[in-house]
Amino acid sequence: MAKQDAVLIIGGGIAGIQAALDLAEAGSRVVLVEKEPTIGGKMSVLDKNFPTLDCSVCIEAPKMSEVEQNKNIELLTMAELESLDGETGNFKARIRQKARFVSSECTRCADCVAVCPQVSSNAFTVGMSARKAIYTPIAQSIPGAYAIDIEQCLNEPPNYLPCNRCVVACGPKCIDFSMPGEKVLEREAVSVIVSTGYDLMDASQFKAYGYGSHPDILTSYELERILTSAGPTGGDIVRPSNRHHPKNALLVLCVGSRDRRYSSYCSRFCCMYSIKHAFQMIDHGVKDVTVLYMDLRAYGKGFDEFLKRTMDAGARFVRGRPATIKPNAEGNITVRYEDTSAGRVVNEDYEMVVLATAVRPSAGLPELSKRLGIELESDGFVHSVESKGGLLHTSRPGVYVAGCASSAKDIPDSVSEAGAAAALALTHLKSRSHPKPEEAPPIQGQEIPRVGVFICHCGSNIAGVVDVEKVCRGARDLPDVAHAQTQMFSCAGNTQKEIEQVIRDKKLTRV
């Protein structure tokens, strides 16, 4: 008999995370399967969210940490579903998980990274920076331990270890090449939620737009990595060609979207993130920013107001589409487009061009759908059936879908669907469990203030406007302050563990 209190979630982006937390809070056990070394998905590598311009990972990182700490959630990263047998209330899943070759005792001290000789392209910065063979995808990764890319590593475990520098450098001795390269796990569940997210169209398919012909023709995702404080430029907008700040930039919407040759559907959130990018570029000092659009779809809460705010900030919006985007002899980029409002063809030069590429189903979805036994739509997304709770049911009873696995949608809609899918998945549970919270030892001498001050840089988000080191020095002179320090990312799981340890070591009673 299957476990009567477990739900299987495939995909650890924001939709999978939210569904897992909602289920766990309701007393369900959760098996969360994610193919990458960390949960978080696309949201974890974004700079800001529209329309509020809140730090994206600052919102998601606490949820990521909560997933790791919740006793009702089993987190399986670097793992993929191999098969799903059974029926509603009695599913049996086979899951293949690759080894990290690093145990959970890892403190992320980076001693191993410093001695690793193997350098490769960093997929999480879209190849715009490098990483070592032993790495963590993002500063806020959950799980927090490093992972070893065994295809890049010089070692061939378990018997051929010609390098082994990381093992020698590791103080906690948590690098273990004797781990099995992969293992197959079996898990039982009463229902399943698919939340595998999305990919973006390869911009090089759009030959007329010149992607790859000039380093300053970027995709919107590449610009996002430049904007983020943890990105390759530390949040400074510079041209990849010469590291200079661009004086002008063009943002091109609907690249591959609403185009029968590529993706006939609308990618939904491209308008808003391009409006966000226009506002951010102006805020970063780019004097002339133009947005070239087909139609502007600013239909969510606060969206239209944010569009007006961006226009008021100086962004120019032109209705039209490019015919060609080409490098020119001056080292810039010439764009030929039709301004449909003015009824004329225009040739303009830009120092940076950003392409908002179409949203696509995730690359592994066709194979995953076969393993799950569910149908896909003609556009490649999961086929969803309208029933109780909306478009959350797949063609297989007991298997639900949330987020961008079924269609392009923004973060708030993905989170809403995750909660709805969790509610449906809960209807199949026969029992629930609520683990008793750990009892923390009481802090002695609470009446005596011993204050700990932890000041977050947040990359350049906070440090760009606040002298955090000066604030830290000032805090040390305040009454009752027993400890003060700065941290790069206080929301990261490993940093939170550092705070916990300092509280114990310094016997802090206030933070």
Protein backbone atom coordinates (compact mmCIF):
# COMPACT_ATOMS: atom_id res chain seq x y z
CA MET A 1 0.00 0.00 0.00
CA ALA A 2 1.25 3.46 -0.85
CA LYS A 3 2.09 6.01 1.74
CA GLN A 4 -1.19 7.65 2.62
CA ASP A 5 0.26 11.03 3.53
CA ALA A 6 2.77 11.89 0.74
CA VAL A 7 2.65 14.04 -2.40
CA LEU A 8 5.32 14.01 -5.11
CA ILE A 9 6.32 17.36 -6.65
CA ILE A 10 8.46 17.48 -9.80
CA GLY A 11 10.24 20.81 -10.21
CA GLY A 12 11.68 23.06 -7.50
CA GLY A 13 11.07 26.55 -8.88
CA ILE A 14 8.82 29.02 -7.10
CA ALA A 15 5.67 27.02 -7.97
CA GLY A 16 7.12 23.77 -6.64
CA ILE A 17 8.47 25.50 -3.54
CA GLN A 18 5.13 27.14 -2.74
CA ALA A 19 3.19 23.91 -3.31
CA ALA A 20 5.62 22.02 -1.06
CA LEU A 21 5.31 24.55 1.77
CA ASP A 22 1.51 24.65 1.53
CA LEU A 23 1.30 20.85 1.58
CA ALA A 24 3.73 20.51 4.48
CA GLU A 25 1.84 23.13 6.49
CA ALA A 26 -1.35 21.12 5.94
CA GLY A 27 0.24 17.94 7.29
CA SER A 28 1.29 16.25 4.06
CA ARG A 29 4.66 14.68 3.57
CA VAL A 30 6.31 15.97 0.40
CA VAL A 31 8.95 14.54 -1.92
CA LEU A 32 10.32 17.48 -3.94
CA VAL A 33 12.38 16.44 -6.98
CA GLU A 34 14.61 18.99 -8.74
CA LYS A 35 17.10 18.21 -11.53
CA GLU A 36 19.45 21.13 -10.75
CA PRO A 37 21.85 21.26 -7.74
CA THR A 38 19.63 23.91 -6.10
CA ILE A 39 15.97 24.73 -5.87
CA GLY A 40 14.75 28.22 -6.75
CA GLY A 41 14.41 28.05 -10.54
CA LYS A 42 14.39 31.20 -12.66
CA MET A 43 13.16 33.44 -9.83
CA SER A 44 16.32 32.84 -7.81
CA VAL A 45 18.55 34.40 -10.48
CA LEU A 46 16.41 37.46 -11.23
CA ASP A 47 17.42 40.89 -9.95
CA LYS A 48 14.08 42.57 -9.21
CA ASN A 49 10.41 41.64 -9.48
CA PHE A 50 7.91 43.84 -11.29
CA PRO A 51 6.07 46.08 -10.57
CA THR A 52 7.39 46.68 -7.04
CA LEU A 53 11.11 46.31 -7.85
CA ASP A 54 11.58 44.15 -4.77
CA CYS A 55 14.73 42.01 -4.67
CA SER A 56 13.68 38.70 -6.22
CA VAL A 57 15.85 36.26 -4.29
CA CYS A 58 15.23 38.21 -1.04
CA ILE A 59 11.60 37.11 -1.40
CA GLU A 60 12.36 33.54 -2.45
CA ALA A 61 15.42 32.66 -0.34
CA PRO A 62 13.51 32.45 2.98
CA LYS A 63 11.06 30.06 1.29
CA MET A 64 13.98 28.02 -0.04
CA SER A 65 15.48 27.79 3.45
CA GLU A 66 12.11 26.82 4.89
CA VAL A 67 11.87 23.93 2.41
CA GLU A 68 15.24 22.61 3.59
CA GLN A 69 14.34 22.91 7.26
CA ASN A 70 10.79 21.53 7.09
CA LYS A 71 10.71 17.99 8.47
CA ASN A 72 7.72 17.11 6.28
CA ILE A 73 9.67 17.83 3.07
CA GLU A 74 12.22 15.46 1.55
CA LEU A 75 14.34 17.42 -0.93
CA LEU A 76 15.98 15.47 -3.77
CA THR A 77 18.17 17.68 -5.96
CA MET A 78 20.19 16.56 -8.99
CA ALA A 79 17.36 14.08 -9.47
CA GLU A 80 14.85 13.18 -12.18
CA LEU A 81 11.74 11.04 -12.36
CA GLU A 82 12.35 7.75 -14.15
CA SER A 83 8.87 6.26 -13.99
CA LEU A 84 5.48 6.65 -12.32
CA ASP A 85 3.31 3.58 -11.85
CA GLY A 86 -0.03 3.10 -10.16
CA GLU A 87 -3.06 5.33 -9.81
CA THR A 88 -4.51 8.09 -7.67
CA GLY A 89 -3.91 7.28 -4.02
CA ASN A 90 -1.38 4.61 -4.89
CA PHE A 91 1.47 5.99 -7.03
CA LYS A 92 4.96 4.52 -6.99
CA ALA A 93 7.76 6.64 -8.42
CA ARG A 94 11.29 5.65 -9.42
CA ILE A 95 13.70 8.58 -9.11
CA ARG A 96 17.30 8.63 -10.35
CA GLN A 97 19.58 10.93 -8.34
CA LYS A 98 23.17 11.92 -9.18
CA ALA A 99 25.79 12.30 -6.46
CA ARG A 100 27.07 15.70 -5.32
CA PHE A 101 30.27 14.09 -4.00
CA VAL A 102 30.02 16.66 -1.18
CA SER A 103 28.24 15.91 2.10
CA SER A 104 25.92 18.21 4.05
CA GLU A 105 28.75 19.06 6.48
CA CYS A 106 30.07 21.49 3.82
CA THR A 107 30.42 25.02 5.23
CA ARG A 108 30.98 26.70 1.83
CA CYS A 109 34.31 28.12 3.01
CA ALA A 110 35.52 28.12 -0.65
CA ASP A 111 38.92 26.58 0.16
CA CYS A 112 38.17 23.79 -2.31
CA VAL A 113 37.09 26.26 -5.01
CA ALA A 114 40.34 28.18 -4.67
CA VAL A 115 42.51 25.12 -5.44
CA CYS A 116 40.34 23.55 -8.16
CA PRO A 117 42.18 23.87 -11.51
CA GLN A 118 39.18 23.17 -13.75
CA VAL A 119 37.29 26.21 -15.09
CA SER A 120 34.12 26.03 -17.17
CA SER A 121 31.24 28.21 -18.29
CA ASN A 122 28.69 29.11 -15.62
CA ALA A 123 25.21 28.14 -16.81
CA PHE A 124 23.55 30.26 -14.11
CA THR A 125 25.07 33.42 -15.59
CA VAL A 126 24.20 32.23 -19.11
CA GLY A 127 27.89 31.66 -19.82
CA MET A 128 28.76 35.28 -18.99
CA SER A 129 31.18 34.21 -16.25
CA ALA A 130 33.14 31.13 -15.26
CA ARG A 131 32.93 28.64 -12.42
CA LYS A 132 35.08 25.82 -11.10
CA ALA A 133 34.31 22.10 -11.31
CA ILE A 134 33.32 22.29 -7.63
CA TYR A 135 30.74 25.03 -7.26
CA THR A 136 27.45 26.30 -5.98
CA PRO A 137 25.04 27.71 -8.60
CA ILE A 138 24.02 30.80 -6.60
CA ALA A 139 25.01 32.32 -3.27
CA GLN A 140 21.62 31.36 -1.78
CA SER A 141 21.67 27.73 -3.02
CA ILE A 142 19.57 25.17 -1.18
CA PRO A 143 20.97 22.63 -0.42
CA GLY A 144 23.90 24.79 0.61
CA ALA A 145 26.69 22.27 0.04
CA TYR A 146 28.91 22.53 -3.02
CA ALA A 147 28.41 20.11 -5.89
CA ILE A 148 31.07 18.61 -8.14
CA ASP A 149 30.51 18.59 -11.89
CA ILE A 150 32.07 15.20 -12.47
CA GLU A 151 32.19 15.72 -16.24
CA GLN A 152 34.49 18.72 -15.69
CA CYS A 153 36.42 17.29 -12.72
CA LEU A 154 39.85 15.71 -13.38
CA ASN A 155 39.02 12.88 -10.99
CA GLU A 156 37.17 9.77 -12.11
CA PRO A 157 35.71 8.32 -8.94
CA PRO A 158 36.05 6.07 -7.14
CA ASN A 159 39.41 4.66 -8.23
CA TYR A 160 41.19 7.30 -10.33
CA LEU A 161 41.88 10.51 -8.39
CA PRO A 162 44.89 12.21 -10.01
CA CYS A 163 43.96 15.69 -8.81
CA ASN A 164 42.33 15.41 -5.37
CA ARG A 165 43.29 19.01 -4.45
CA CYS A 166 39.80 19.77 -3.16
CA VAL A 167 39.90 16.78 -0.80
CA VAL A 168 43.22 17.95 0.68
CA ALA A 169 41.97 21.54 1.05
CA CYS A 170 38.64 20.63 2.69
CA GLY A 171 38.81 21.24 6.45
CA PRO A 172 35.55 19.46 7.38
CA LYS A 173 36.53 16.51 5.12
CA CYS A 174 33.14 16.50 3.44
CA ILE A 175 34.30 15.75 -0.13
CA ASP A 176 33.80 12.06 -0.83
CA PHE A 177 34.54 10.57 -4.23
CA SER A 178 33.53 7.13 -2.99
CA MET A 179 29.85 8.12 -3.18
CA PRO A 180 27.95 6.09 -5.80
CA GLY A 181 27.75 8.18 -8.99
CA GLU A 182 23.98 7.80 -8.99
CA LYS A 183 21.29 5.87 -7.21
CA VAL A 184 17.70 4.90 -7.89
CA LEU A 185 15.16 5.73 -5.20
CA GLU A 186 11.58 4.53 -4.87
CA ARG A 187 8.95 6.76 -3.32
CA GLU A 188 5.21 6.35 -2.82
CA ALA A 189 2.61 9.09 -3.06
CA VAL A 190 -1.12 9.61 -3.31
CA SER A 191 -0.87 12.43 -5.89
CA VAL A 192 1.64 14.30 -8.04
CA ILE A 193 2.21 17.97 -8.94
CA VAL A 194 4.19 18.88 -12.06
CA SER A 195 5.89 22.30 -11.78
CA THR A 196 8.82 22.08 -14.19
CA GLY A 197 8.88 25.74 -15.23
CA TYR A 198 10.00 26.98 -18.63
CA ASP A 199 12.93 27.63 -20.95
CA LEU A 200 13.61 30.55 -23.28
CA MET A 201 13.92 30.43 -27.03
CA ASP A 202 17.44 30.28 -28.45
CA ALA A 203 17.84 33.79 -29.86
CA SER A 204 20.27 32.58 -32.53
CA GLN A 205 17.29 31.00 -34.33
CA PHE A 206 16.15 34.55 -35.19
CA LYS A 207 18.81 35.21 -37.83
CA ALA A 208 17.61 38.70 -38.79
CA TYR A 209 18.15 39.96 -35.25
CA GLY A 210 21.88 39.30 -35.24
CA TYR A 211 22.26 37.47 -31.94
CA GLY A 212 25.80 36.12 -31.79
CA SER A 213 27.12 38.57 -34.38
CA HIS A 214 27.88 41.30 -31.81
CA PRO A 215 28.57 40.88 -28.05
CA ASP A 216 26.25 43.80 -27.21
CA ILE A 217 23.19 42.08 -28.71
CA LEU A 218 21.89 40.35 -25.59
CA THR A 219 18.86 38.37 -24.53
CA SER A 220 16.67 39.69 -21.73
CA TYR A 221 17.91 36.85 -19.51
CA GLU A 222 21.52 37.91 -20.08
CA LEU A 223 20.62 41.49 -19.18
CA GLU A 224 18.96 40.14 -16.02
CA ARG A 225 22.23 38.51 -15.00
CA ILE A 226 24.11 41.77 -15.66
CA LEU A 227 21.61 43.68 -13.51
CA THR A 228 21.76 41.37 -10.53
CA SER A 229 24.25 42.18 -7.80
CA ALA A 230 25.49 38.58 -7.79
CA GLY A 231 26.01 38.58 -11.56
CA PRO A 232 29.16 38.83 -13.67
CA THR A 233 29.38 42.64 -13.41
CA GLY A 234 28.13 43.06 -9.84
CA GLY A 235 24.97 44.81 -11.02
CA ASP A 236 26.77 47.38 -13.18
CA ILE A 237 25.32 47.78 -16.70
CA VAL A 238 28.28 47.62 -19.08
CA ARG A 239 28.71 46.59 -22.69
CA PRO A 240 30.28 43.11 -22.94
CA SER A 241 32.29 44.32 -25.95
CA ASN A 242 34.31 47.00 -24.15
CA ARG A 243 33.07 47.17 -20.51
CA HIS A 244 31.87 50.75 -21.07
CA HIS A 245 28.49 52.03 -19.93
CA PRO A 246 26.06 52.22 -22.87
CA LYS A 247 24.70 55.65 -23.72
CA ASN A 248 21.61 54.24 -25.40
CA ALA A 249 19.82 50.90 -25.59
CA LEU A 250 16.94 49.26 -27.44
CA LEU A 251 14.67 46.63 -25.90
CA VAL A 252 12.89 44.46 -28.50
CA LEU A 253 9.70 42.68 -27.43
CA CYS A 254 8.03 39.55 -28.86
CA VAL A 255 11.17 37.93 -30.27
CA GLY A 256 9.69 34.62 -31.37
CA SER A 257 6.41 35.15 -29.51
CA ARG A 258 3.16 35.62 -31.47
CA ASP A 259 5.07 34.42 -34.52
CA ARG A 260 3.81 31.35 -36.39
CA ARG A 261 7.36 30.42 -37.36
CA TYR A 262 8.39 29.96 -33.73
CA SER A 263 5.76 30.39 -30.98
CA SER A 264 2.29 31.52 -32.02
CA TYR A 265 1.23 32.24 -28.42
CA CYS A 266 1.97 35.29 -26.26
CA SER A 267 4.69 34.76 -23.64
CA ARG A 268 2.67 36.97 -21.27
CA PHE A 269 5.27 38.42 -18.91
CA CYS A 270 7.81 39.74 -21.47
CA CYS A 271 6.11 43.15 -21.69
CA MET A 272 6.39 43.71 -17.97
CA TYR A 273 9.93 42.50 -17.49
CA SER A 274 11.03 44.62 -20.46
CA ILE A 275 9.31 47.64 -18.89
CA LYS A 276 11.17 46.76 -15.68
CA HIS A 277 14.44 46.53 -17.61
CA ALA A 278 13.81 49.93 -19.22
CA PHE A 279 13.23 51.49 -15.80
CA GLN A 280 16.31 49.82 -14.32
CA MET A 281 18.54 50.88 -17.20
CA ILE A 282 17.49 54.51 -16.79
CA ASP A 283 18.02 54.16 -13.04
CA HIS A 284 21.54 52.83 -13.77
CA GLY A 285 22.36 55.88 -15.86
CA VAL A 286 21.59 54.79 -19.43
CA LYS A 287 20.40 58.10 -20.86
CA ASP A 288 18.38 56.94 -23.88
CA VAL A 289 16.25 53.79 -23.59
CA THR A 290 13.77 52.75 -26.31
CA VAL A 291 11.25 49.90 -26.14
CA LEU A 292 10.09 48.49 -29.48
CA TYR A 293 6.81 46.63 -29.04
CA MET A 294 3.87 45.05 -30.90
CA ASP A 295 1.30 45.57 -28.13
CA LEU A 296 1.82 46.39 -24.46
CA ARG A 297 0.01 44.04 -22.11
CA ALA A 298 0.21 45.64 -18.68
CA TYR A 299 -2.91 44.07 -17.19
CA GLY A 300 -1.94 42.97 -13.65
CA LYS A 301 -2.17 44.72 -10.31
CA GLY A 302 -0.02 47.84 -10.42
CA PHE A 303 1.25 46.99 -13.92
CA ASP A 304 -0.25 49.94 -15.79
CA GLU A 305 0.94 52.34 -13.10
CA PHE A 306 4.45 50.91 -13.44
CA LEU A 307 4.32 51.41 -17.22
CA LYS A 308 3.39 55.06 -16.69
CA ARG A 309 6.15 55.44 -14.11
CA THR A 310 8.68 54.08 -16.62
CA MET A 311 7.43 56.44 -19.32
CA ASP A 312 7.68 59.34 -16.89
CA ALA A 313 11.26 58.29 -16.10
CA GLY A 314 12.11 58.90 -19.75
CA ALA A 315 11.78 55.57 -21.56
CA ARG A 316 10.57 55.91 -25.15
CA PHE A 317 7.99 53.38 -26.38
CA VAL A 318 7.69 52.83 -30.13
CA ARG A 319 5.19 50.51 -31.79
CA GLY A 320 6.94 48.47 -34.43
CA ARG A 321 9.16 45.48 -35.16
CA PRO A 322 12.75 45.31 -36.39
CA ALA A 323 13.48 44.19 -39.93
CA THR A 324 17.20 43.76 -39.28
CA ILE A 325 19.66 44.17 -36.40
CA LYS A 326 23.27 44.32 -37.57
CA PRO A 327 26.72 45.35 -36.29
CA ASN A 328 28.09 48.50 -37.96
CA ALA A 329 31.58 49.79 -38.75
CA GLU A 330 31.66 52.04 -35.65
CA GLY A 331 31.35 49.07 -33.31
CA ASN A 332 27.71 49.76 -32.51
CA ILE A 333 24.48 48.15 -33.74
CA THR A 334 22.21 49.45 -36.50
CA VAL A 335 18.52 48.59 -36.21
CA ARG A 336 16.12 49.02 -39.11
CA TYR A 337 12.48 49.03 -38.05
CA GLU A 338 9.07 50.39 -38.96
CA ASP A 339 7.53 52.94 -36.63
CA THR A 340 3.89 52.07 -37.29
CA SER A 341 2.51 55.07 -35.36
CA ALA A 342 4.54 57.53 -37.46
CA GLY A 343 4.18 55.45 -40.64
CA ARG A 344 7.90 55.48 -41.49
CA VAL A 345 10.92 53.18 -41.69
CA VAL A 346 13.74 54.15 -39.32
CA ASN A 347 17.46 53.30 -39.15
CA GLU A 348 18.95 53.95 -35.71
CA ASP A 349 22.24 53.09 -34.03
CA TYR A 350 22.40 51.65 -30.50
CA GLU A 351 25.19 50.65 -28.16
CA MET A 352 23.16 47.79 -26.68
CA VAL A 353 20.19 45.78 -27.98
CA VAL A 354 18.20 43.41 -25.74
CA LEU A 355 15.93 40.70 -27.18
CA ALA A 356 12.93 39.54 -25.14
CA THR A 357 12.83 35.94 -26.37
CA ALA A 358 9.80 33.66 -26.36
CA VAL A 359 8.93 31.41 -23.42
CA ARG A 360 9.18 27.72 -24.30
CA PRO A 361 8.26 24.51 -22.48
CA SER A 362 11.21 23.13 -20.52
CA ALA A 363 13.52 21.02 -22.66
CA GLY A 364 12.91 17.73 -20.86
CA LEU A 365 9.12 18.01 -20.78
CA PRO A 366 8.35 15.70 -23.76
CA GLU A 367 10.29 12.83 -22.19
CA LEU A 368 8.94 13.59 -18.71
CA SER A 369 5.36 13.59 -20.00
CA LYS A 370 5.87 10.05 -21.32
CA ARG A 371 7.20 8.91 -17.97
CA LEU A 372 4.26 10.54 -16.21
CA GLY A 373 1.72 9.29 -18.74
CA ILE A 374 0.24 12.75 -19.35
CA GLU A 375 -0.61 14.56 -22.58
CA LEU A 376 0.96 17.75 -23.95
CA GLU A 377 -0.70 20.54 -25.90
CA SER A 378 0.25 21.25 -29.52
CA ASP A 379 2.49 24.07 -28.25
CA GLY A 380 4.45 21.62 -26.07
CA PHE A 381 3.12 22.64 -22.66
CA VAL A 382 1.27 20.23 -20.36
CA HIS A 383 -2.33 19.68 -21.43
CA SER A 384 -4.55 20.88 -18.59
CA VAL A 385 -8.20 19.97 -18.17
CA GLU A 386 -10.66 22.51 -16.80
CA SER A 387 -12.28 21.17 -13.67
CA LYS A 388 -12.55 22.02 -9.98
CA GLY A 389 -9.90 24.59 -9.14
CA GLY A 390 -9.32 25.73 -12.71
CA LEU A 391 -6.83 24.45 -15.29
CA LEU A 392 -4.85 22.31 -12.87
CA HIS A 393 -5.82 18.76 -13.82
CA THR A 394 -3.70 16.85 -16.35
CA SER A 395 -4.96 14.01 -18.53
CA ARG A 396 -3.95 11.50 -15.83
CA PRO A 397 -6.11 11.47 -12.68
CA GLY A 398 -4.21 12.41 -9.56
CA VAL A 399 -1.49 14.27 -11.48
CA TYR A 400 -1.81 18.06 -11.31
CA VAL A 401 0.10 20.91 -12.92
CA ALA A 402 1.13 24.36 -11.68
CA GLY A 403 3.11 27.33 -12.93
CA CYS A 404 4.74 27.60 -16.33
CA ALA A 405 4.62 23.87 -16.99
CA SER A 406 1.14 24.40 -18.49
CA SER A 407 1.61 27.87 -20.02
CA ALA A 408 3.61 31.07 -19.67
CA LYS A 409 2.65 33.03 -16.56
CA ASP A 410 4.24 35.43 -14.10
CA ILE A 411 5.37 34.75 -10.54
CA PRO A 412 2.13 35.75 -8.70
CA ASP A 413 0.02 33.57 -11.01
CA SER A 414 2.46 30.66 -10.61
CA VAL A 415 2.29 30.97 -6.82
CA SER A 416 -1.53 31.10 -6.91
CA GLU A 417 -1.68 27.98 -9.08
CA ALA A 418 0.77 26.20 -6.79
CA GLY A 419 -1.52 26.79 -3.83
CA ALA A 420 -4.54 25.58 -5.80
CA ALA A 421 -2.71 22.45 -7.01
CA ALA A 422 -1.63 21.72 -3.43
CA ALA A 423 -5.24 21.98 -2.29
CA LEU A 424 -6.31 19.44 -4.93
CA ALA A 425 -3.41 17.11 -4.10
CA LEU A 426 -4.44 17.19 -0.44
CA THR A 427 -7.88 15.75 -1.22
CA HIS A 428 -6.29 12.31 -1.79
CA LEU A 429 -4.52 12.11 1.58
CA LYS A 430 -5.75 9.48 4.01
CA SER A 431 -3.64 10.70 6.92
CA ARG A 432 -1.63 13.74 7.91
CA SER A 433 1.33 14.37 10.15
CA HIS A 434 2.51 17.51 11.94
CA PRO A 435 6.04 17.04 13.29
CA LYS A 436 6.60 18.50 16.70
CA PRO A 437 8.80 21.60 16.48
CA GLU A 438 12.25 21.28 17.94
CA GLU A 439 12.53 22.71 21.43
CA ALA A 440 15.34 25.23 21.50
CA PRO A 441 17.27 25.42 24.76
CA PRO A 442 16.24 28.52 26.70
CA ILE A 443 18.61 31.46 26.51
CA GLN A 444 20.03 32.25 29.92
CA GLY A 445 20.18 35.82 31.14
CA GLN A 446 17.63 37.21 28.68
CA GLU A 447 17.13 40.21 30.93
CA ILE A 448 20.70 41.31 30.10
CA PRO A 449 20.78 42.68 26.56
CA ARG A 450 23.54 41.18 24.40
CA VAL A 451 22.75 42.51 20.96
CA GLY A 452 24.06 40.98 17.72
CA VAL A 453 24.02 43.19 14.62
CA PHE A 454 24.16 41.54 11.17
CA ILE A 455 24.22 43.92 8.21
CA CYS A 456 23.54 42.53 4.73
CA HIS A 457 25.32 43.87 1.65
CA CYS A 458 22.77 42.12 -0.64
CA GLY A 459 25.44 42.44 -3.32
CA SER A 460 25.04 46.03 -4.43
CA ASN A 461 21.32 46.31 -3.62
CA ILE A 462 21.96 47.63 -0.10
CA ALA A 463 25.69 48.36 -0.36
CA GLY A 464 25.02 50.53 -3.42
CA VAL A 465 23.17 53.09 -1.31
CA VAL A 466 24.39 52.39 2.25
CA ASP A 467 27.98 52.32 3.53
CA VAL A 468 27.47 49.01 5.30
CA GLU A 469 30.99 48.87 6.73
CA LYS A 470 30.54 52.31 8.30
CA VAL A 471 27.17 51.28 9.72
CA CYS A 472 28.78 48.16 11.15
CA ARG A 473 31.54 50.18 12.83
CA GLY A 474 28.95 52.56 14.25
CA ALA A 475 26.86 49.67 15.58
CA ARG A 476 29.79 48.34 17.59
CA ASP A 477 29.80 51.56 19.65
CA LEU A 478 26.10 51.36 20.52
CA PRO A 479 25.07 50.35 24.05
CA ASP A 480 24.66 46.60 24.70
CA VAL A 481 26.03 45.55 21.27
CA ALA A 482 28.11 42.43 21.86
CA HIS A 483 28.77 41.60 18.20
CA ALA A 484 28.48 43.34 14.82
CA GLN A 485 29.40 42.09 11.37
CA THR A 486 28.52 42.44 7.71
CA GLN A 487 27.38 39.61 5.43
CA MET A 488 27.12 39.45 1.67
CA PHE A 489 23.72 37.67 1.62
CA SER A 490 22.01 37.28 4.98
CA CYS A 491 19.13 35.40 3.34
CA ALA A 492 21.40 32.52 2.20
CA GLY A 493 21.00 29.25 4.07
CA ASN A 494 24.68 28.93 4.97
CA THR A 495 24.73 32.55 6.19
CA GLN A 496 21.72 31.90 8.42
CA LYS A 497 23.62 28.98 9.93
CA GLU A 498 26.49 31.38 10.59
CA ILE A 499 24.07 33.70 12.44
CA GLU A 500 22.83 30.77 14.51
CA GLN A 501 26.38 29.81 15.45
CA VAL A 502 27.32 33.38 16.41
CA ILE A 503 24.21 33.58 18.63
CA ARG A 504 25.41 30.46 20.48
CA ASP A 505 29.09 31.42 20.64
CA LYS A 506 28.50 35.04 21.71
CA LYS A 507 25.50 34.18 23.92
CA LEU A 508 23.41 36.81 22.19
CA THR A 509 19.95 37.63 23.57
CA ARG A 510 18.91 40.16 20.88
CA VAL A 511 19.48 40.28 17.11
